[in-house]
């Protein structure tokens, strides 16, 4: 008896994004299964990051529908999508350069804070409780990603690999059900890539759904449960790593050699 496929955490239905006459994404449709690792691959300019930005609310879609955890989130602003449980790291590092490492993670807790501005100004009990909790969560996350000894460093004092780990901690601070990661291993040495792969595997063990863009095919084929392939803004293929590797269209358009 075959096991039942997990439900879709994210469903993209006929999503397009046009910039004038440029069709950056054209009628993309696929599911990201709950609790699994889904990787999106494709040549530079295939529309992967643009689609990520549409899904996370940073860009409005031209057409189509996006469903997250069974709720239509099409057109939602980014802060509402984050509050719904979608975390995100970026291809270019995003952090507050005037805050230290632990303060950066605390600042990312904004969507889980219920205190009003007045409560914060007056220092009322709920505000103090939230501040203590946010500090504790931030310290635990930094320990989890291996940055507990660098909590008081400025982000610019960290190595590139450590800055990537800070990105993960900041995204986890929003308490996401799904983590979207845009080229998390870009620019990293092999040893640091292996450490980040281990971190992603631990996220899956925690029950997180992972949706990532990645160019490192060794990473994609070793950690992914599902692979989605884009080419010139359109969906080219989707399936297991083995199915994608054996797809002649994918080989011709992207992989270049049958593996």
Foldseek 3Di string as FASTA:
>chain_A
DDDDFADFQKWWAQWWADDVPATQAGGDTDGQGFLFAEEEEADPSLNPVVVVCQQQAVDATPDTWMAGNRHTCHNPHNLVSLLVAEFEADPDQDFDQVAFLLVRLLVLLVSVQDDDPVCVVVVPPSNVVSVVVSSVLSLVLCVLLVNNVRRGHGLVPDDPLVSLSSRVSSRCSSVHLEYEYEASCPPHDPVSVVSVLVSVVVCSVVRHRYYYYHDPLVSCLPRGQKYWYGGSNYTDDIDGSLVLLQDPVNCVRPVVDRD
